[in-house]
Protein backbone atom coordinates (compact mmCIF):
# COMPACT_ATOMS: atom_id res chain seq x y z
CA MET A 1 -13.27 -12.36 15.75
CA ILE A 2 -10.96 -13.97 13.19
CA GLU A 3 -7.15 -12.88 13.82
CA GLN A 4 -5.94 -10.92 10.65
CA THR A 5 -3.19 -12.75 9.18
CA PRO A 6 0.42 -10.82 9.91
CA TRP A 7 2.07 -9.40 6.22
CA PHE A 8 4.95 -10.97 5.99
CA GLU A 9 2.91 -14.60 7.22
CA ARG A 10 0.71 -14.04 3.24
CA LYS A 11 1.51 -15.98 0.27
CA PHE A 12 -0.10 -14.62 -3.30
CA ASP A 13 -1.27 -16.57 -6.48
CA PHE A 14 -1.02 -14.27 -9.44
CA ASN A 15 -3.34 -16.61 -11.94
CA PHE A 16 -5.68 -13.84 -12.93
CA PRO A 17 -6.62 -12.41 -16.48
CA VAL A 18 -4.17 -9.10 -17.11
CA GLY A 19 -8.30 -8.16 -18.24
CA LEU A 20 -7.97 -7.24 -14.26
CA PHE A 21 -6.17 -4.38 -14.44
CA PRO A 22 -8.90 -1.48 -14.08
CA VAL A 23 -10.01 -3.32 -11.43
CA ILE A 24 -7.10 -3.08 -9.43
CA VAL A 25 -6.22 0.42 -10.72
CA GLU A 26 -9.60 1.40 -9.06
CA ARG A 27 -8.89 -0.17 -6.07
CA LEU A 28 -5.70 2.06 -5.81
CA ARG A 29 -7.70 4.72 -6.53
CA GLY A 30 -9.68 4.52 -3.78
CA THR A 31 -7.30 3.66 -0.80
CA THR A 32 -7.41 7.40 0.12
CA PRO A 33 -11.51 7.62 0.45
CA ARG A 34 -11.46 4.36 2.36
CA ILE A 35 -9.49 5.51 4.59
CA GLU A 36 -11.31 9.09 4.65
CA HIS A 37 -14.72 7.04 5.53
CA ILE A 38 -13.42 4.74 8.43
CA ALA A 39 -11.41 7.66 10.29
CA ASN A 40 -14.09 10.28 9.95
CA ASN A 41 -15.02 12.39 13.03
CA LYS A 42 -12.16 10.76 14.99
CA SER A 43 -10.18 13.35 17.16
CA GLU A 44 -6.58 13.71 15.98
CA GLY A 45 -5.43 12.08 19.61
CA GLN A 46 -7.80 9.21 18.93
CA LEU A 47 -5.59 8.56 15.92
CA SER A 48 -2.63 8.83 17.35
CA GLN A 49 -3.31 6.93 19.91
CA LYS A 50 -0.78 3.25 20.09
CA ILE A 51 -2.74 0.19 21.29
CA ASN A 52 -0.88 -3.17 22.22
CA VAL A 53 2.67 -1.24 20.77
CA ALA A 54 1.23 -1.44 17.35
CA TRP A 55 1.11 1.74 14.86
CA SER A 56 -1.69 4.04 15.73
CA VAL A 57 -4.24 4.98 12.56
CA LYS A 58 -1.86 7.85 11.67
CA GLU A 59 1.29 5.89 11.62
CA GLN A 60 -1.05 3.22 9.53
CA VAL A 61 -1.81 5.46 7.19
CA GLY A 62 2.04 6.96 6.84
CA HIS A 63 3.54 3.78 6.32
CA LEU A 64 1.24 3.51 3.18
CA TYR A 65 3.11 7.04 2.45
CA ASP A 66 5.74 6.09 2.69
CA LEU A 67 5.83 2.87 0.66
CA GLU A 68 4.46 4.52 -2.16
CA GLU A 69 8.25 5.38 -3.34
CA LEU A 70 8.79 2.20 -3.49
CA TRP A 71 5.83 0.98 -5.64
CA TYR A 72 6.49 3.75 -8.06
CA GLY A 73 10.10 2.52 -7.89
CA ARG A 74 9.24 -1.00 -8.93
CA ILE A 75 6.88 -0.10 -11.63
CA GLU A 76 10.09 1.82 -13.05
CA ASP A 77 11.89 -1.51 -12.33
CA PHE A 78 9.60 -3.57 -15.04
CA LEU A 79 9.34 -0.53 -17.47
CA ALA A 80 13.15 -1.09 -17.72
CA GLY A 81 13.34 -4.62 -17.93
CA GLU A 82 15.23 -4.94 -14.63
CA LYS A 83 15.04 -9.10 -13.71
CA THR A 84 14.18 -8.50 -10.01
CA LEU A 85 12.73 -5.52 -8.52
CA ARG A 86 13.98 -3.42 -6.20
CA ALA A 87 13.76 -4.56 -2.29
CA ALA A 88 11.68 -3.32 0.45
CA ASP A 89 13.21 -2.36 3.92
CA LEU A 90 11.64 -5.07 6.01
CA SER A 91 12.19 -3.30 8.92
CA ASN A 92 10.36 -0.11 7.84
CA THR A 93 12.84 2.25 9.28
CA LYS A 94 11.45 5.39 7.24
CA THR A 95 8.14 4.59 8.97
CA HIS A 96 9.68 4.31 12.39
CA GLU A 97 11.66 7.57 12.37
CA ALA A 98 9.32 9.85 10.59
CA ASP A 99 7.14 10.39 13.53
CA HIS A 100 3.40 10.65 11.75
CA ASN A 101 1.34 11.38 15.05
CA LYS A 102 2.86 14.95 15.06
CA LYS A 103 1.15 15.34 11.45
CA THR A 104 -2.26 15.50 11.15
CA LEU A 105 -4.78 13.60 9.42
CA HIS A 106 -5.33 15.80 6.75
CA GLU A 107 -1.59 16.55 5.87
CA LEU A 108 -1.04 12.29 5.95
CA LEU A 109 -4.17 11.84 3.17
CA THR A 110 -2.82 14.91 0.91
CA MET A 111 0.69 13.39 0.95
CA PHE A 112 -0.78 10.10 0.62
CA SER A 113 -3.01 10.59 -2.22
CA HIS A 114 -0.47 13.16 -4.13
CA THR A 115 1.75 9.92 -4.58
CA ARG A 116 -0.79 7.63 -5.05
CA SER A 117 -1.82 9.98 -7.92
CA LYS A 118 1.58 9.91 -9.82
CA LEU A 119 1.26 5.87 -9.50
CA ILE A 120 -1.90 5.66 -11.00
CA GLU A 121 -1.28 8.44 -13.53
CA LYS A 122 2.20 6.39 -14.67
CA VAL A 123 0.10 3.21 -14.81
CA GLU A 124 -3.31 3.77 -16.01
CA ASN A 125 -3.04 3.81 -19.62
CA PHE A 126 -0.67 0.74 -19.87
CA ASP A 127 -1.59 -1.26 -22.58
CA GLU A 128 -1.74 -5.47 -22.31
CA ALA A 129 2.02 -5.93 -23.06
CA THR A 130 3.68 -3.25 -20.39
CA ALA A 131 1.13 -4.97 -17.46
CA SER A 132 2.71 -8.15 -18.20
CA LEU A 133 5.92 -7.20 -18.18
CA THR A 134 7.57 -10.05 -15.35
CA ALA A 135 10.34 -9.71 -12.81
CA LEU A 136 10.69 -11.42 -9.79
CA HIS A 137 9.94 -10.38 -6.19
CA PRO A 138 12.54 -10.51 -3.95
CA ARG A 139 11.10 -11.46 -0.79
CA LEU A 140 8.50 -13.81 -2.33
CA GLN A 141 10.95 -15.41 -5.11
CA THR A 142 8.51 -15.23 -7.40
CA PRO A 143 7.74 -13.95 -10.57
CA MET A 144 5.95 -11.50 -10.95
CA ARG A 145 3.87 -9.08 -13.38
CA LEU A 146 3.17 -5.51 -13.27
CA ILE A 147 -0.40 -5.96 -12.60
CA ASP A 148 0.52 -9.03 -9.71
CA SER A 149 2.81 -5.92 -8.51
CA LEU A 150 -0.47 -3.69 -8.39
CA PHE A 151 -2.68 -6.16 -7.26
CA PHE A 152 0.02 -6.97 -4.58
CA VAL A 153 0.49 -2.85 -3.13
CA ALA A 154 -3.18 -2.69 -2.89
CA GLU A 155 -3.16 -6.40 -0.90
CA HIS A 156 -1.45 -4.13 1.39
CA ASP A 157 -3.34 -1.32 1.45
CA ASP A 158 -6.37 -3.36 2.51
CA HIS A 159 -3.68 -5.13 4.96
CA HIS A 160 -3.55 -1.56 6.49
CA LEU A 161 -6.92 -0.53 5.90
CA ALA A 162 -8.42 -3.69 8.00
CA LYS A 163 -5.47 -2.31 10.83
CA ILE A 164 -7.07 0.89 10.83
CA ARG A 165 -10.42 -0.10 11.07
CA ALA A 166 -9.54 -2.29 13.92
CA LEU A 167 -7.87 0.52 15.97
CA ILE A 168 -11.06 2.65 15.71
CA GLN A 169 -13.44 0.05 16.57
CA HIS A 170 -11.16 -0.18 19.50
CA ASP A 171 -11.73 2.77 20.70
């Protein structure tokens, strides 16, 4: 089996056309149902299980929820004309302190779905000029368009979906 590349080792090329905007938004819409599909018929205990000290399925889902505020805030940064996007907490303090394993998967998915819907409602009708707004990504130290930021979120979602699937298949 191929080992998944750690998130902070990922490199990104943002050279696709703005015309992919609807496709990227559609990927963002699909995260919740994909999690539901992967975790279908698993017990709350199985979803709370940690393997090799890594986050559990519930913690992975909780982490996605925890970052929605950052993603939404970065959209606000683009719209406000900020030169640099707000930075993420690279230590993931919010996720580590949230104790997501005490929540049900249904609760976590409801929270995530609600905040993701807010993000999608914010961006879904942007025009090409808005999708092309640019700012510097603080960790990558590279200019990024608003559409690239949404692609980055979709890639982050998929990174954690792959982690979730691996945890469930390990069970």
